[in-house]
Amino acid sequence: MQIWVTINNFAKIEYAKACVNKFTLLVGPNNCGKTFLMQLIEGINDYWNILIDESVMNTLLIDDLPEYKGYELSKYNLDEFLNKLNNNIYKQKENIISEIFKREIPIQNLSVDIQLEENEEYLMYHIDKIQALDQLPKNVGNLPNFISAVMLGHENTAIECMIKKTYDKPNGEFAEAIIGPRLKYCESNMVNLLQKGSLFMPASRSGLMMLYREYFANKTDDNILVQTNTQRTENVGTTNLTTPVYRFLRFLQTYTEDERIKKKFEKELEFYDNNIIEGHINAKTQQGLAYNANSGEAVPMYLASAMVNEVAPIYLATTSTSFYDRFIIDEIEASLHPEKQMELVRFLNRLYNKGKSFVISTHSDTFVSRINNLSILAEYVGKTKDTEAVSKFGIEMEDMVSQKDLFVYEFIKKNNGKSEVKERKFNEKLGYQFDLFTNTALKLYDEAVKLGDIVNHE
């Protein structure tokens, strides 16, 4: 499944349509709207439980029986589902923008699109009592047996369950089950399908890493409440901070390390320690976060280098008890030497291949070129099965992401001051080409040629 967000005439952006649940890269000049788009993607994530209501779910209804209600999301009813969902989004778009940015910003249109993979579909069932399991259709496989085990001791509690069917698993596989006394219409199933455990990481993370404790120490009288992913309310504060930036600061304040998650990403985190920060982040000191360099003593994070502080949030989000499966990172390359940028691409690709997704902005041609090279190599290996070619570059298979999972966009500034966001298509020989970087490189080349002529004729 691919989830897309489309906007028209919002802030600096005249038009943009971007995939938000794969590996998305945003490139463009300063002050063109990249950060606005990224925070909007993060913020709308909180609204699925409001946008998906009974009217939306009724477009998917296939069984309406006393024993259970059945719903199906497939290519046959996807358009009707999206029409109803986007109608709700249109009604709420001003409220969504206001809650995210803490001020009114005009927006002409905001909508989402969903593209299912070939033969991908979802079946969802709402069951009030365990006795109804025998009435479920035969095409749900062994789901009744699974639900029976889950509902043991909850015989009089409603359950909503979902299975995913694909071409290689036509009988479906269990996706999730939700138990609770007030469940209805499988809205929770659909919300969980679309909603990401997401964290926005703003630019200038080094400064925010140093200041977040002082910020909260001086904000005890805040009184603005916003909705969180778990449908609770959270104090955001009477500040000019956007909700995504506030949540990032709150994340730093409340971070707790999860040993089970660390074990799952053990190999990736070892790569991070050895190839990027050349040390280790210690989250268990009484003074807060600390950085242990391989060649020295531990120091508080505020005394560590800007590079360490810039990339530390990626480590923290990966190992947090608050599970995140999508990272939205503004100016990913900040404070990183080109060699470290190249290694960071490998690290992010490894995380993506372990289930994380990304929306990333960058001003670095080094970062983009590394993604280019690895995507071209991935395409070559995918076609030829020549895995030995990978070792020639001193990398491993998990360092690459296929171009089918990469969505690359360039922000183009127009004469009216607005930006148009254009998707860059992959070329199997050249990768992704960017006008901004190409034009800058040509200017530098021409400048060097002119300079050479002047010096040589001195």
Protein backbone atom coordinates (compact mmCIF):
# COMPACT_ATOMS: atom_id res chain seq x y z
CA MET A 1 0.00 0.00 0.00
CA GLN A 2 1.12 3.49 -0.85
CA ILE A 3 -0.33 6.55 0.90
CA TRP A 4 -0.09 9.94 -0.78
CA VAL A 5 -0.82 13.49 0.37
CA THR A 6 -1.77 16.21 -2.14
CA ILE A 7 -1.92 19.95 -1.45
CA ASN A 8 -2.81 22.98 -3.55
CA ASN A 9 -1.87 26.58 -2.75
CA PHE A 10 -0.58 26.10 0.76
CA ALA A 11 2.11 28.40 2.19
CA LYS A 12 4.95 28.53 -0.38
CA ILE A 13 3.65 25.51 -2.26
CA GLU A 14 1.46 25.87 -5.33
CA TYR A 15 1.12 22.12 -5.86
CA ALA A 16 2.60 18.97 -4.34
CA LYS A 17 1.74 15.29 -4.27
CA ALA A 18 4.05 13.04 -2.27
CA CYS A 19 4.12 9.47 -1.04
CA VAL A 20 4.34 9.47 2.76
CA ASN A 21 4.81 5.83 3.83
CA LYS A 22 7.83 4.59 1.85
CA PHE A 23 11.25 6.26 1.38
CA THR A 24 10.60 9.83 0.27
CA LEU A 25 13.33 12.37 -0.49
CA LEU A 26 12.67 16.11 -0.84
CA VAL A 27 15.22 18.37 -2.55
CA GLY A 28 14.99 22.08 -3.19
CA PRO A 29 16.32 25.56 -2.38
CA ASN A 30 15.85 27.31 0.94
CA ASN A 31 12.48 28.85 1.76
CA CYS A 32 10.54 26.84 -0.81
CA GLY A 33 8.12 24.97 1.49
CA LYS A 34 9.81 21.65 2.27
CA THR A 35 9.45 22.05 6.05
CA PHE A 36 5.82 23.11 5.72
CA LEU A 37 5.05 19.98 3.72
CA MET A 38 6.89 17.72 6.15
CA GLN A 39 5.09 19.12 9.18
CA LEU A 40 1.76 18.83 7.39
CA ILE A 41 2.47 15.16 6.66
CA GLU A 42 3.31 14.63 10.32
CA GLY A 43 0.30 16.56 11.59
CA ILE A 44 -2.41 14.95 9.48
CA ASN A 45 -1.32 11.63 10.94
CA ASP A 46 -3.18 12.59 14.16
CA TYR A 47 -6.48 13.10 12.39
CA TRP A 48 -7.25 9.68 10.95
CA ASN A 49 -9.49 8.76 13.90
CA ILE A 50 -11.58 11.90 13.22
CA LEU A 51 -11.59 11.64 9.43
CA ILE A 52 -12.53 7.97 9.30
CA ASP A 53 -16.11 7.78 10.57
CA GLU A 54 -19.15 5.59 9.99
CA SER A 55 -19.97 7.24 6.65
CA VAL A 56 -16.47 6.43 5.35
CA MET A 57 -16.59 2.84 6.60
CA ASN A 58 -20.03 2.27 5.05
CA THR A 59 -18.39 2.52 1.62
CA LEU A 60 -16.55 -0.71 2.49
CA LEU A 61 -19.48 -2.62 4.04
CA ILE A 62 -20.00 -6.06 2.50
CA ASP A 63 -21.82 -7.94 5.31
CA ASP A 64 -24.35 -6.35 7.66
CA LEU A 65 -25.66 -9.20 9.76
CA PRO A 66 -26.85 -9.46 13.37
CA GLU A 67 -23.86 -11.68 14.15
CA TYR A 68 -21.16 -9.52 12.64
CA LYS A 69 -20.34 -6.71 10.24
CA GLY A 70 -17.85 -7.30 7.45
CA TYR A 71 -15.84 -4.70 5.51
CA GLU A 72 -13.51 -4.98 2.53
CA LEU A 73 -10.95 -2.50 1.22
CA SER A 74 -10.04 -3.44 -2.35
CA LYS A 75 -9.60 -1.93 -5.79
CA TYR A 76 -13.34 -2.31 -6.36
CA ASN A 77 -14.43 0.15 -3.67
CA LEU A 78 -11.25 2.19 -3.12
CA ASP A 79 -12.45 5.17 -5.17
CA GLU A 80 -15.71 5.47 -3.27
CA PHE A 81 -13.84 5.16 0.03
CA LEU A 82 -11.40 7.92 -0.98
CA ASN A 83 -14.17 10.23 -2.17
CA LYS A 84 -15.92 10.05 1.18
CA LEU A 85 -12.64 10.33 3.13
CA ASN A 86 -11.45 13.35 1.14
CA ASN A 87 -14.82 15.00 1.62
CA ASN A 88 -14.21 14.79 5.37
CA ILE A 89 -10.66 16.10 4.93
CA TYR A 90 -11.91 19.07 2.92
CA LYS A 91 -14.33 20.00 5.71
CA GLN A 92 -11.58 19.74 8.33
CA LYS A 93 -8.62 21.19 6.41
CA GLU A 94 -8.59 24.59 8.14
CA ASN A 95 -8.83 22.96 11.58
CA ILE A 96 -6.04 20.54 10.68
CA ILE A 97 -3.73 23.35 9.55
CA SER A 98 -4.53 25.48 12.59
CA GLU A 99 -3.81 22.65 15.02
CA ILE A 100 -0.52 21.76 13.35
CA PHE A 101 0.92 25.23 12.85
CA LYS A 102 -0.83 27.13 15.68
CA ARG A 103 -1.97 29.79 13.26
CA GLU A 104 -4.19 30.10 10.24
CA ILE A 105 -2.51 29.43 6.91
CA PRO A 106 -4.72 29.48 3.80
CA ILE A 107 -4.97 26.21 1.91
CA GLN A 108 -7.01 25.63 -1.21
CA ASN A 109 -7.13 21.87 -1.06
CA LEU A 110 -5.82 18.95 0.98
CA SER A 111 -6.48 15.35 0.03
CA VAL A 112 -5.06 11.85 0.30
CA ASP A 113 -4.73 9.01 -2.14
CA ILE A 114 -4.21 5.31 -1.51
CA GLN A 115 -2.76 2.90 -4.03
CA LEU A 116 -3.03 -0.80 -3.30
CA GLU A 117 -0.48 -3.24 -4.59
CA GLU A 118 -1.63 -5.73 -7.19
CA ASN A 119 -4.15 -8.14 -5.60
CA GLU A 120 -3.76 -6.44 -2.21
CA GLU A 121 -6.97 -6.16 -0.18
CA TYR A 122 -8.08 -6.07 3.44
CA LEU A 123 -10.99 -7.80 5.18
CA MET A 124 -12.25 -6.43 8.49
CA TYR A 125 -14.86 -7.81 10.85
CA HIS A 126 -16.71 -6.40 13.83
CA ILE A 127 -17.95 -9.13 16.19
CA ASP A 128 -19.93 -8.43 19.33
CA LYS A 129 -19.76 -11.92 20.83
CA ILE A 130 -17.49 -14.91 20.45
CA GLN A 131 -20.45 -17.08 19.45
CA ALA A 132 -20.54 -15.28 16.09
CA LEU A 133 -17.19 -16.75 15.01
CA ASP A 134 -18.89 -19.76 13.48
CA GLN A 135 -20.84 -17.46 11.16
CA LEU A 136 -17.78 -15.85 9.56
CA PRO A 137 -17.19 -16.59 5.85
CA LYS A 138 -14.92 -19.46 4.90
CA ASN A 139 -12.42 -17.16 3.16
CA VAL A 140 -11.02 -15.87 6.43
CA GLY A 141 -8.82 -18.94 6.83
CA ASN A 142 -7.95 -19.87 10.40
CA LEU A 143 -8.96 -16.47 11.74
CA PRO A 144 -11.81 -17.86 13.90
CA ASN A 145 -9.35 -20.07 15.77
CA PHE A 146 -7.03 -17.14 16.36
CA ILE A 147 -9.83 -14.89 17.54
CA SER A 148 -11.11 -17.60 19.88
CA ALA A 149 -7.72 -17.62 21.59
CA VAL A 150 -7.59 -13.83 21.75
CA MET A 151 -11.12 -13.52 23.12
CA LEU A 152 -10.64 -16.13 25.83
CA GLY A 153 -11.90 -14.40 28.95
CA HIS A 154 -13.48 -11.62 26.87
CA GLU A 155 -16.56 -13.48 25.66
CA ASN A 156 -18.88 -10.49 26.10
CA THR A 157 -16.49 -7.88 24.73
CA ALA A 158 -16.53 -6.68 21.13
CA ILE A 159 -13.61 -7.48 18.88
CA GLU A 160 -12.49 -6.02 15.57
CA CYS A 161 -10.07 -7.95 13.42
CA MET A 162 -8.39 -7.51 10.07
CA ILE A 163 -6.69 -9.83 7.62
CA LYS A 164 -4.54 -8.86 4.63
CA LYS A 165 -4.80 -10.76 1.36
CA THR A 166 -2.13 -10.62 -1.37
CA TYR A 167 -1.36 -12.59 -4.51
CA ASP A 168 1.04 -14.88 -2.64
CA LYS A 169 -1.36 -15.36 0.31
CA PRO A 170 -4.83 -15.47 -1.26
CA ASN A 171 -6.39 -16.88 1.92
CA GLY A 172 -5.07 -13.96 3.88
CA GLU A 173 -2.86 -13.48 6.90
CA PHE A 174 -3.83 -12.04 10.25
CA ALA A 175 -3.04 -8.33 10.54
CA GLU A 176 -4.42 -7.30 13.92
CA ALA A 177 -7.20 -7.67 16.47
CA ILE A 178 -8.59 -4.96 18.75
CA ILE A 179 -10.65 -5.73 21.85
CA GLY A 180 -12.78 -3.17 23.64
CA PRO A 181 -16.31 -2.46 24.88
CA ARG A 182 -17.00 0.52 22.60
CA LEU A 183 -15.72 -0.68 19.23
CA LYS A 184 -17.87 -0.12 16.15
CA TYR A 185 -17.74 -0.17 12.36
CA CYS A 186 -14.06 -1.30 12.27
CA GLU A 187 -12.97 2.34 12.29
CA SER A 188 -10.07 1.44 14.61
CA ASN A 189 -8.82 -1.17 12.13
CA MET A 190 -8.76 1.36 9.32
CA VAL A 191 -7.13 4.05 11.47
CA ASN A 192 -4.37 1.65 12.46
CA LEU A 193 -3.85 0.67 8.83
CA LEU A 194 -3.23 4.28 7.77
CA GLN A 195 -1.79 5.86 10.90
CA LYS A 196 1.97 5.73 11.37
CA GLY A 197 3.93 5.81 14.59
CA SER A 198 5.65 8.95 13.35
CA LEU A 199 8.24 11.45 14.64
CA PHE A 200 9.21 14.74 13.01
CA MET A 201 12.83 15.76 13.57
CA PRO A 202 13.27 19.48 12.86
CA ALA A 203 16.35 21.17 11.46
CA SER A 204 18.90 22.53 13.97
CA ARG A 205 18.52 19.42 16.10
CA SER A 206 21.85 20.12 17.78
CA GLY A 207 20.48 23.25 19.46
CA LEU A 208 17.20 21.59 20.39
CA MET A 209 19.06 18.67 21.96
CA MET A 210 20.77 21.17 24.27
CA LEU A 211 17.73 23.31 25.13
CA TYR A 212 14.78 20.96 25.55
CA ARG A 213 15.18 20.58 29.34
CA GLU A 214 15.28 24.34 29.87
CA TYR A 215 12.27 24.77 27.59
CA PHE A 216 10.04 22.52 29.68
CA ALA A 217 11.38 23.90 32.95
CA ASN A 218 9.96 27.29 31.95
CA LYS A 219 6.64 26.14 30.50
CA THR A 220 4.69 24.97 33.53
CA ASP A 221 1.70 27.22 32.81
CA ASP A 222 0.94 25.97 29.29
CA ASN A 223 -2.69 25.22 28.52
CA ILE A 224 -3.15 24.28 24.85
CA LEU A 225 -4.28 20.69 24.33
CA VAL A 226 -3.90 18.65 21.16
CA GLN A 227 -4.84 15.15 20.20
CA THR A 228 -2.18 12.44 20.18
CA ASN A 229 -2.05 9.21 18.24
CA THR A 230 -3.61 7.40 21.19
CA GLN A 231 -6.57 9.81 21.24
CA ARG A 232 -5.54 11.35 24.53
CA THR A 233 -4.90 15.02 25.07
CA GLU A 234 -1.45 16.43 25.56
CA ASN A 235 -0.22 19.80 26.76
CA VAL A 236 1.43 21.66 23.88
CA GLY A 237 1.85 25.04 25.46
CA THR A 238 1.04 28.63 24.73
CA THR A 239 4.02 29.04 22.43
CA ASN A 240 4.68 29.66 18.77
CA LEU A 241 6.00 26.14 18.32
CA THR A 242 4.23 23.98 15.81
CA THR A 243 2.79 20.74 17.14
CA PRO A 244 5.39 18.53 15.38
CA VAL A 245 8.29 20.57 16.85
CA TYR A 246 6.72 20.51 20.30
CA ARG A 247 6.28 16.75 20.06
CA PHE A 248 9.95 16.37 19.19
CA LEU A 249 10.95 18.31 22.30
CA ARG A 250 8.50 16.28 24.35
CA PHE A 251 9.98 13.09 22.91
CA LEU A 252 13.47 14.13 24.06
CA GLN A 253 12.14 14.87 27.54
CA THR A 254 10.29 11.57 27.96
CA TYR A 255 12.61 9.21 26.05
CA THR A 256 13.04 5.75 27.55
CA GLU A 257 15.22 3.06 26.00
CA ASP A 258 13.65 -0.25 25.00
CA GLU A 259 16.06 -3.17 25.30
CA ARG A 260 13.82 -5.43 23.23
CA ILE A 261 13.81 -2.96 20.33
CA LYS A 262 17.57 -2.48 20.66
CA LYS A 263 18.00 -6.22 20.27
CA LYS A 264 15.84 -6.22 17.13
CA PHE A 265 18.00 -3.50 15.52
CA GLU A 266 21.27 -4.70 17.02
CA LYS A 267 23.14 -4.98 13.71
CA GLU A 268 21.90 -1.62 12.43
CA LEU A 269 22.78 0.15 15.70
CA GLU A 270 26.24 -1.41 15.67
CA PHE A 271 26.73 0.06 12.19
CA TYR A 272 25.53 3.44 13.52
CA ASP A 273 28.01 3.35 16.40
CA ASN A 274 30.98 2.27 14.32
CA ASN A 275 30.45 4.09 11.03
CA ILE A 276 28.67 7.31 11.96
CA ILE A 277 29.22 8.55 15.53
CA GLU A 278 32.33 6.44 16.29
CA GLY A 279 31.12 5.84 19.79
CA HIS A 280 27.93 5.12 21.67
CA ILE A 281 24.97 7.05 23.07
CA ASN A 282 24.33 6.23 26.72
CA ALA A 283 20.74 6.86 27.78
CA LYS A 284 21.05 5.51 31.32
CA THR A 285 23.10 8.17 33.06
CA GLN A 286 21.60 10.16 35.93
CA GLN A 287 22.50 13.40 34.15
CA GLY A 288 20.57 12.44 31.03
CA LEU A 289 21.91 11.48 27.63
CA ALA A 290 25.66 11.08 27.25
CA TYR A 291 28.06 10.33 24.43
CA ASN A 292 30.83 7.76 24.83
CA ALA A 293 33.50 8.19 22.17
CA ASN A 294 35.50 5.11 21.24
CA SER A 295 38.67 6.97 22.12
CA GLY A 296 37.64 8.86 25.26
CA GLU A 297 35.49 9.33 28.33
CA ALA A 298 31.74 9.84 28.36
CA VAL A 299 30.55 13.45 28.09
CA PRO A 300 27.07 14.94 28.48
CA MET A 301 25.29 15.25 25.16
CA TYR A 302 25.47 19.05 25.24
CA LEU A 303 29.28 18.78 25.16
CA ALA A 304 29.32 16.34 22.24
CA SER A 305 29.94 17.53 18.70
CA ALA A 306 27.23 19.07 16.56
CA MET A 307 27.39 16.00 14.31
CA VAL A 308 26.58 13.66 17.20
CA ASN A 309 23.71 15.85 18.35
CA GLU A 310 22.27 16.06 14.84
CA VAL A 311 22.11 12.28 14.30
CA ALA A 312 21.38 11.28 17.93
CA PRO A 313 17.57 11.64 17.53
CA ILE A 314 17.59 8.92 14.87
CA TYR A 315 19.18 6.54 17.36
CA LEU A 316 16.77 7.61 20.11
CA ALA A 317 13.69 7.19 17.91
CA THR A 318 14.87 3.76 16.79
CA THR A 319 15.36 2.52 20.37
CA SER A 320 12.45 4.28 22.09
CA THR A 321 9.67 2.55 24.02
CA SER A 322 7.36 4.88 22.07
CA PHE A 323 7.52 2.88 18.87
CA TYR A 324 8.06 4.86 15.66
CA ASP A 325 7.91 3.30 12.23
CA ARG A 326 8.27 6.56 10.26
CA PHE A 327 10.93 9.27 10.64
CA ILE A 328 10.35 12.69 9.07
CA ILE A 329 13.76 14.38 9.10
CA ASP A 330 14.42 17.96 8.00
CA GLU A 331 17.89 18.71 6.60
CA ILE A 332 19.20 15.22 7.21
CA GLU A 333 22.82 16.12 6.36
CA ALA A 334 23.23 19.01 8.85
CA SER A 335 26.73 19.13 10.42
CA LEU A 336 27.83 15.90 8.71
CA HIS A 337 31.07 15.63 6.75
CA PRO A 338 30.49 14.18 3.24
CA GLU A 339 32.04 10.86 4.30
CA LYS A 340 29.54 10.62 7.17
CA GLN A 341 26.69 11.55 4.84
CA MET A 342 27.58 8.60 2.65
CA GLU A 343 27.53 6.25 5.64
CA LEU A 344 24.26 7.76 6.88
CA VAL A 345 22.60 6.77 3.60
CA ARG A 346 23.65 3.17 4.22
CA PHE A 347 22.28 3.33 7.78
CA LEU A 348 18.93 4.73 6.69
CA ASN A 349 18.65 2.12 3.94
CA ARG A 350 19.28 -0.59 6.51
CA LEU A 351 16.54 0.80 8.74
CA TYR A 352 14.15 0.97 5.80
CA ASN A 353 14.83 -2.65 4.96
CA LYS A 354 13.94 -3.50 8.58
CA GLY A 355 10.54 -1.82 8.36
CA LYS A 356 11.10 1.91 8.97
CA SER A 357 9.86 4.51 6.48
CA PHE A 358 11.20 8.01 5.82
CA VAL A 359 10.32 11.47 4.60
CA ILE A 360 13.63 13.34 4.35
CA SER A 361 14.74 16.73 3.07
CA THR A 362 18.29 17.55 2.02
CA HIS A 363 20.40 20.29 0.44
CA SER A 364 23.33 17.93 -0.08
CA ASP A 365 24.36 16.68 -3.50
CA THR A 366 26.63 14.20 -1.68
CA PHE A 367 23.66 12.63 0.10
CA VAL A 368 21.61 12.51 -3.09
CA SER A 369 24.50 11.12 -5.15
CA ARG A 370 24.98 8.29 -2.64
CA ILE A 371 21.29 7.41 -2.84
CA ASN A 372 21.61 7.56 -6.62
CA ASN A 373 24.56 5.18 -6.73
CA LEU A 374 23.03 2.64 -4.36
CA SER A 375 19.66 2.70 -6.14
CA ILE A 376 21.35 2.16 -9.53
CA LEU A 377 23.31 -0.73 -8.05
CA ALA A 378 20.14 -2.18 -6.50
CA GLU A 379 18.41 -2.01 -9.87
CA TYR A 380 21.34 -3.74 -11.56
CA VAL A 381 21.53 -6.52 -8.98
CA GLY A 382 17.76 -6.98 -9.11
CA LYS A 383 17.90 -7.55 -12.86
CA THR A 384 21.10 -9.55 -13.16
CA LYS A 385 21.23 -11.32 -9.77
CA ASP A 386 24.93 -10.40 -9.77
CA THR A 387 25.31 -10.12 -6.01
CA GLU A 388 29.10 -10.26 -6.29
CA ALA A 389 28.99 -6.72 -7.71
CA VAL A 390 27.92 -5.44 -4.29
CA SER A 391 31.12 -6.53 -2.56
CA LYS A 392 33.19 -4.57 -5.12
CA PHE A 393 31.87 -1.38 -3.52
CA GLY A 394 32.58 -2.43 0.05
CA ILE A 395 28.90 -2.58 0.97
CA GLU A 396 26.27 -5.23 1.71
CA MET A 397 22.88 -6.09 0.26
CA GLU A 398 21.02 -4.36 3.10
CA ASP A 399 22.73 -1.06 2.19
CA MET A 400 20.54 -0.72 -0.90
CA VAL A 401 16.91 0.26 -1.44
CA SER A 402 15.13 -0.54 -4.68
CA GLN A 403 13.98 2.40 -6.77
CA LYS A 404 10.38 1.11 -6.57
CA ASP A 405 10.44 2.08 -2.89
CA LEU A 406 12.07 5.49 -3.47
CA PHE A 407 9.98 8.57 -4.17
CA VAL A 408 12.11 11.57 -5.05
CA TYR A 409 10.80 15.13 -5.44
CA GLU A 410 12.36 18.45 -6.39
CA PHE A 411 10.88 21.80 -5.34
CA ILE A 412 10.97 24.21 -8.28
CA LYS A 413 10.57 27.92 -7.50
CA LYS A 414 8.32 29.77 -9.95
CA ASN A 415 8.30 33.42 -10.95
CA ASN A 416 5.26 34.08 -8.74
CA GLY A 417 7.26 33.10 -5.63
CA LYS A 418 5.46 29.80 -5.25
CA SER A 419 6.97 26.32 -5.53
CA GLU A 420 5.83 23.42 -7.63
CA VAL A 421 6.88 19.98 -6.46
CA LYS A 422 7.86 17.65 -9.28
CA GLU A 423 8.54 13.94 -8.93
CA ARG A 424 11.88 12.87 -10.38
CA LYS A 425 11.74 9.57 -12.22
CA PHE A 426 14.45 6.95 -11.94
CA ASN A 427 16.81 6.24 -14.83
CA GLU A 428 18.55 2.87 -14.56
CA LYS A 429 21.83 4.35 -15.83
CA LEU A 430 21.77 7.85 -14.29
CA GLY A 431 19.49 7.48 -11.28
CA TYR A 432 17.72 10.70 -10.28
CA GLN A 433 18.63 14.01 -11.89
CA PHE A 434 18.09 17.38 -10.19
CA ASP A 435 18.10 20.69 -12.05
CA LEU A 436 19.20 22.59 -8.94
CA PHE A 437 22.33 20.52 -8.33
CA THR A 438 23.14 20.23 -12.04
CA ASN A 439 22.90 23.99 -12.62
CA THR A 440 25.06 24.71 -9.57
CA ALA A 441 27.70 22.23 -10.72
CA LEU A 442 27.74 23.81 -14.18
CA LYS A 443 28.13 27.29 -12.69
CA LEU A 444 31.10 26.13 -10.63
CA TYR A 445 32.64 24.48 -13.68
CA ASP A 446 32.23 27.61 -15.80
CA GLU A 447 33.64 29.70 -12.97
CA ALA A 448 36.68 27.41 -12.72
CA VAL A 449 37.25 27.61 -16.50
CA LYS A 450 37.12 31.42 -16.46
CA LEU A 451 39.39 31.54 -13.45
CA GLY A 452 41.85 29.24 -15.21
CA ASP A 453 41.90 31.49 -18.25
CA ILE A 454 42.61 34.55 -16.09
CA VAL A 455 45.38 32.88 -14.06
CA ASN A 456 47.03 31.26 -17.08
CA HIS A 457 47.17 34.57 -18.97
CA GLU A 458 48.48 36.60 -16.05
